[in-house]
Amino acid sequence: MHKDDCLFCKIVRGEIPATKVFEDDSVLAFEDVSPQMPVHTLIVPKNHYDNIADSIPDDEMGHLFNAVRIVAEAKGIAESGFRVIVNTNDDACQTVHHVHVHVLGGA
């Protein structure tokens, strides 16, 4: 389930290049093009959901957040610490309306 005009769906489909950090059948993690910290990786489900308040199946939501640990380990910030942020809708500064998790770290 994808949206034709969604930036992150286009990245998932390979239509727009991205620096991949992790990928499996359910999620894709890639570097943010405008990083706010030395490590700034986004994790998106491959299925399109506008935001975290959508009716995302439990298994997909769990898999999305389990990928945080994998990304933190891959980026070398699992031990030192990191932030996990999910913005929801315009008032929370969600700029791409495809649910995504920000993993930020590195001092």
N, C-alpha and C. Protein backbone atom coordinates (compact mmCIF):
# COMPACT_ATOMS: atom_id res chain seq x y z
N MET A 1 0.85 -1.16 0.00
CA MET A 1 0.00 0.00 0.00
C MET A 1 0.91 1.24 0.00
N HIS A 2 0.89 1.97 -1.10
CA HIS A 2 1.72 3.15 -1.27
C HIS A 2 0.86 4.30 -1.79
N LYS A 3 1.38 5.51 -1.66
CA LYS A 3 0.77 6.69 -2.26
C LYS A 3 1.71 7.18 -3.35
N ASP A 4 1.17 7.46 -4.51
CA ASP A 4 2.00 7.86 -5.65
C ASP A 4 2.77 9.15 -5.41
N ASP A 5 2.19 10.09 -4.67
CA ASP A 5 2.82 11.40 -4.49
C ASP A 5 3.60 11.53 -3.18
N CYS A 6 3.80 10.44 -2.47
CA CYS A 6 4.49 10.48 -1.18
C CYS A 6 6.00 10.33 -1.36
N LEU A 7 6.75 11.28 -0.83
CA LEU A 7 8.21 11.26 -0.93
C LEU A 7 8.80 9.97 -0.38
N PHE A 8 8.36 9.55 0.80
CA PHE A 8 8.94 8.35 1.41
C PHE A 8 8.52 7.08 0.67
N CYS A 9 7.31 7.04 0.11
CA CYS A 9 6.91 5.90 -0.72
C CYS A 9 7.81 5.81 -1.95
N LYS A 10 8.17 6.96 -2.51
CA LYS A 10 9.07 6.96 -3.67
C LYS A 10 10.45 6.46 -3.28
N ILE A 11 10.92 6.80 -2.09
CA ILE A 11 12.21 6.29 -1.61
C ILE A 11 12.11 4.78 -1.41
N VAL A 12 11.04 4.31 -0.79
CA VAL A 12 10.84 2.87 -0.57
C VAL A 12 10.84 2.12 -1.91
N ARG A 13 10.20 2.69 -2.93
CA ARG A 13 10.14 2.05 -4.25
C ARG A 13 11.43 2.19 -5.03
N GLY A 14 12.40 2.97 -4.53
CA GLY A 14 13.66 3.15 -5.23
C GLY A 14 13.63 4.20 -6.32
N GLU A 15 12.57 5.00 -6.37
CA GLU A 15 12.45 6.05 -7.38
C GLU A 15 13.29 7.27 -7.03
N ILE A 16 13.56 7.46 -5.75
CA ILE A 16 14.40 8.54 -5.26
C ILE A 16 15.52 7.89 -4.47
N PRO A 17 16.77 8.25 -4.75
CA PRO A 17 17.88 7.61 -4.04
C PRO A 17 17.94 8.05 -2.58
N ALA A 18 18.45 7.15 -1.75
CA ALA A 18 18.64 7.44 -0.33
C ALA A 18 19.82 6.60 0.15
N THR A 19 20.48 7.09 1.18
CA THR A 19 21.58 6.34 1.79
C THR A 19 20.97 5.40 2.82
N LYS A 20 20.88 4.12 2.45
CA LYS A 20 20.23 3.13 3.30
C LYS A 20 21.12 2.73 4.47
N VAL A 21 20.50 2.57 5.62
CA VAL A 21 21.17 2.11 6.83
C VAL A 21 20.72 0.68 7.15
N PHE A 22 19.44 0.39 6.91
CA PHE A 22 18.88 -0.92 7.20
C PHE A 22 17.62 -1.09 6.36
N GLU A 23 17.39 -2.33 5.93
CA GLU A 23 16.16 -2.63 5.19
C GLU A 23 15.80 -4.08 5.40
N ASP A 24 14.51 -4.33 5.56
CA ASP A 24 13.99 -5.69 5.55
C ASP A 24 12.65 -5.65 4.81
N ASP A 25 11.84 -6.67 4.95
CA ASP A 25 10.58 -6.73 4.22
C ASP A 25 9.57 -5.68 4.65
N SER A 26 9.71 -5.14 5.87
CA SER A 26 8.69 -4.25 6.43
C SER A 26 9.09 -2.80 6.56
N VAL A 27 10.39 -2.54 6.77
CA VAL A 27 10.84 -1.16 7.01
C VAL A 27 12.07 -0.83 6.19
N LEU A 28 12.29 0.47 6.04
CA LEU A 28 13.50 0.99 5.42
C LEU A 28 14.03 2.10 6.32
N ALA A 29 15.31 2.05 6.63
CA ALA A 29 15.97 3.11 7.40
C ALA A 29 16.99 3.76 6.50
N PHE A 30 17.01 5.09 6.49
CA PHE A 30 17.92 5.83 5.63
C PHE A 30 18.31 7.15 6.30
N GLU A 31 19.41 7.72 5.83
CA GLU A 31 19.93 8.96 6.41
C GLU A 31 19.03 10.14 6.05
N ASP A 32 18.78 11.00 7.02
CA ASP A 32 18.03 12.23 6.78
C ASP A 32 18.88 13.16 5.93
N VAL A 33 18.27 13.80 4.92
CA VAL A 33 19.03 14.69 4.04
C VAL A 33 19.34 16.03 4.69
N SER A 34 18.70 16.30 5.82
CA SER A 34 18.95 17.54 6.55
C SER A 34 19.17 17.19 8.02
N PRO A 35 20.30 16.55 8.33
CA PRO A 35 20.51 16.04 9.70
C PRO A 35 20.57 17.14 10.75
N GLN A 36 19.98 16.85 11.90
CA GLN A 36 19.96 17.77 13.03
C GLN A 36 21.02 17.42 14.07
N MET A 37 21.62 16.24 13.93
CA MET A 37 22.70 15.78 14.81
C MET A 37 23.65 14.95 13.95
N PRO A 38 24.84 14.60 14.47
CA PRO A 38 25.76 13.78 13.66
C PRO A 38 25.13 12.48 13.14
N VAL A 39 24.28 11.85 13.94
CA VAL A 39 23.50 10.70 13.48
C VAL A 39 22.05 11.14 13.41
N HIS A 40 21.47 11.04 12.23
CA HIS A 40 20.05 11.36 12.05
C HIS A 40 19.52 10.43 10.97
N THR A 41 18.93 9.35 11.42
CA THR A 41 18.42 8.32 10.51
C THR A 41 16.91 8.25 10.65
N LEU A 42 16.22 8.08 9.54
CA LEU A 42 14.77 7.92 9.53
C LEU A 42 14.43 6.46 9.30
N ILE A 43 13.42 5.98 9.98
CA ILE A 43 12.91 4.63 9.76
C ILE A 43 11.46 4.76 9.34
N VAL A 44 11.11 4.17 8.21
CA VAL A 44 9.74 4.24 7.69
C VAL A 44 9.21 2.84 7.44
N PRO A 45 7.92 2.63 7.70
CA PRO A 45 7.33 1.37 7.25
C PRO A 45 7.21 1.40 5.73
N LYS A 46 7.33 0.26 5.11
CA LYS A 46 7.19 0.22 3.66
C LYS A 46 5.75 0.44 3.22
N ASN A 47 4.80 0.11 4.07
CA ASN A 47 3.40 0.45 3.80
C ASN A 47 3.17 1.89 4.21
N HIS A 48 2.32 2.58 3.48
CA HIS A 48 2.05 3.98 3.76
C HIS A 48 0.99 4.14 4.85
N TYR A 49 1.35 4.92 5.86
CA TYR A 49 0.42 5.41 6.87
C TYR A 49 0.76 6.89 7.03
N ASP A 50 -0.24 7.75 7.09
CA ASP A 50 0.03 9.18 7.17
C ASP A 50 0.80 9.57 8.42
N ASN A 51 0.42 8.98 9.55
CA ASN A 51 1.10 9.33 10.81
C ASN A 51 0.86 8.23 11.83
N ILE A 52 1.46 8.38 12.98
CA ILE A 52 1.40 7.34 14.01
C ILE A 52 -0.01 7.17 14.59
N ALA A 53 -0.90 8.14 14.36
CA ALA A 53 -2.27 8.04 14.85
C ALA A 53 -3.17 7.23 13.91
N ASP A 54 -2.64 6.84 12.74
CA ASP A 54 -3.39 5.96 11.84
C ASP A 54 -3.55 4.59 12.48
N SER A 55 -4.40 3.80 11.93
CA SER A 55 -4.62 2.43 12.43
C SER A 55 -3.54 1.52 11.87
N ILE A 56 -2.36 1.58 12.47
CA ILE A 56 -1.24 0.76 12.03
C ILE A 56 -1.33 -0.57 12.78
N PRO A 57 -1.30 -1.69 12.05
CA PRO A 57 -1.38 -2.99 12.74
C PRO A 57 -0.26 -3.13 13.77
N ASP A 58 -0.58 -3.79 14.88
CA ASP A 58 0.37 -3.94 15.98
C ASP A 58 1.70 -4.54 15.53
N ASP A 59 1.65 -5.54 14.65
CA ASP A 59 2.90 -6.17 14.24
C ASP A 59 3.77 -5.20 13.44
N GLU A 60 3.17 -4.37 12.62
CA GLU A 60 3.95 -3.38 11.87
C GLU A 60 4.51 -2.30 12.78
N MET A 61 3.70 -1.85 13.75
CA MET A 61 4.16 -0.82 14.69
C MET A 61 5.31 -1.38 15.53
N GLY A 62 5.16 -2.59 16.01
CA GLY A 62 6.23 -3.21 16.79
C GLY A 62 7.50 -3.37 15.98
N HIS A 63 7.36 -3.79 14.74
CA HIS A 63 8.53 -3.97 13.89
C HIS A 63 9.23 -2.63 13.63
N LEU A 64 8.43 -1.59 13.40
CA LEU A 64 8.98 -0.25 13.18
C LEU A 64 9.86 0.17 14.36
N PHE A 65 9.35 -0.02 15.57
CA PHE A 65 10.10 0.40 16.74
C PHE A 65 11.21 -0.58 17.12
N ASN A 66 11.09 -1.84 16.78
CA ASN A 66 12.20 -2.77 16.98
C ASN A 66 13.38 -2.42 16.07
N ALA A 67 13.09 -1.81 14.95
CA ALA A 67 14.16 -1.39 14.04
C ALA A 67 15.02 -0.27 14.63
N VAL A 68 14.50 0.45 15.61
CA VAL A 68 15.27 1.52 16.27
C VAL A 68 16.55 0.95 16.86
N ARG A 69 16.46 -0.17 17.56
CA ARG A 69 17.64 -0.79 18.17
C ARG A 69 18.66 -1.18 17.09
N ILE A 70 18.18 -1.75 16.01
CA ILE A 70 19.06 -2.18 14.93
C ILE A 70 19.80 -0.98 14.34
N VAL A 71 19.08 0.10 14.12
CA VAL A 71 19.69 1.31 13.57
C VAL A 71 20.69 1.91 14.56
N ALA A 72 20.29 1.99 15.83
CA ALA A 72 21.20 2.55 16.84
C ALA A 72 22.49 1.75 16.92
N GLU A 73 22.40 0.43 16.85
CA GLU A 73 23.60 -0.41 16.86
C GLU A 73 24.42 -0.20 15.59
N ALA A 74 23.77 -0.15 14.45
CA ALA A 74 24.47 0.04 13.18
C ALA A 74 25.19 1.39 13.12
N LYS A 75 24.62 2.40 13.74
CA LYS A 75 25.20 3.74 13.72
C LYS A 75 26.16 3.98 14.88
N GLY A 76 26.32 3.00 15.77
CA GLY A 76 27.27 3.11 16.86
C GLY A 76 26.84 4.00 18.02
N ILE A 77 25.53 4.17 18.19
CA ILE A 77 25.04 5.04 19.27
C ILE A 77 24.22 4.30 20.31
N ALA A 78 24.14 2.98 20.18
CA ALA A 78 23.30 2.20 21.09
C ALA A 78 23.76 2.33 22.54
N GLU A 79 25.05 2.35 22.76
CA GLU A 79 25.59 2.41 24.12
C GLU A 79 25.67 3.84 24.65
N SER A 80 26.01 4.79 23.79
CA SER A 80 26.21 6.17 24.24
C SER A 80 24.91 6.92 24.47
N GLY A 81 23.86 6.50 23.77
CA GLY A 81 22.56 7.14 23.94
C GLY A 81 22.07 7.80 22.67
N PHE A 82 20.75 7.91 22.56
CA PHE A 82 20.15 8.49 21.36
C PHE A 82 18.73 8.93 21.68
N ARG A 83 18.18 9.72 20.77
CA ARG A 83 16.79 10.18 20.89
C ARG A 83 15.95 9.52 19.82
N VAL A 84 14.68 9.29 20.13
CA VAL A 84 13.72 8.75 19.17
C VAL A 84 12.54 9.73 19.14
N ILE A 85 12.24 10.24 17.96
CA ILE A 85 11.20 11.24 17.82
C ILE A 85 10.24 10.84 16.71
N VAL A 86 8.94 11.02 16.97
CA VAL A 86 7.92 10.82 15.96
C VAL A 86 7.02 12.06 15.99
N ASN A 87 7.05 12.83 14.93
CA ASN A 87 6.18 14.00 14.82
C ASN A 87 4.86 13.56 14.18
N THR A 88 3.75 14.11 14.67
CA THR A 88 2.44 13.71 14.19
C THR A 88 1.62 14.92 13.78
N ASN A 89 1.44 15.07 12.49
CA ASN A 89 0.65 16.14 11.86
C ASN A 89 1.36 17.49 11.89
N ASP A 90 0.74 18.46 11.25
CA ASP A 90 1.37 19.75 11.01
C ASP A 90 1.75 20.52 12.27
N ASP A 91 0.89 20.50 13.29
CA ASP A 91 1.19 21.25 14.50
C ASP A 91 2.42 20.71 15.24
N ALA A 92 2.79 19.48 14.95
CA ALA A 92 3.98 18.88 15.56
C ALA A 92 5.17 18.88 14.58
N CYS A 93 5.02 19.66 13.50
CA CYS A 93 6.10 19.83 12.51
C CYS A 93 6.38 18.58 11.69
N GLN A 94 5.38 17.73 11.46
CA GLN A 94 5.55 16.61 10.54
C GLN A 94 5.52 17.17 9.14
N THR A 95 6.63 17.07 8.43
CA THR A 95 6.72 17.67 7.09
C THR A 95 6.43 16.67 5.98
N VAL A 96 6.69 15.40 6.21
CA VAL A 96 6.34 14.35 5.25
C VAL A 96 5.28 13.48 5.92
N HIS A 97 4.12 13.41 5.31
CA HIS A 97 3.00 12.70 5.92
C HIS A 97 3.01 11.22 5.53
N HIS A 98 4.07 10.58 5.98
CA HIS A 98 4.25 9.13 5.96
C HIS A 98 4.92 8.86 7.29
N VAL A 99 4.30 8.06 8.14
CA VAL A 99 4.84 7.88 9.49
C VAL A 99 6.33 7.53 9.41
N HIS A 100 7.11 8.18 10.24
CA HIS A 100 8.55 7.91 10.29
C HIS A 100 9.10 8.21 11.67
N VAL A 101 10.13 7.46 12.02
CA VAL A 101 10.80 7.57 13.29
C VAL A 101 12.16 8.19 13.06
N HIS A 102 12.47 9.25 13.80
CA HIS A 102 13.80 9.86 13.76
C HIS A 102 14.65 9.21 14.85
N VAL A 103 15.83 8.76 14.47
CA VAL A 103 16.80 8.26 15.45
C VAL A 103 17.97 9.23 15.40
N LEU A 104 18.21 9.95 16.50
CA LEU A 104 19.23 10.99 16.53
C LEU A 104 20.23 10.71 17.64
N GLY A 105 21.49 10.97 17.36
CA GLY A 105 22.51 10.78 18.39
C GLY A 105 23.87 11.27 17.92
N GLY A 106 24.84 11.01 18.74
CA GLY A 106 26.20 11.46 18.43
C GLY A 106 26.38 12.90 18.86
N ALA A 107 27.34 13.13 19.72
CA ALA A 107 27.55 14.49 20.22
C ALA A 107 28.46 15.30 19.34
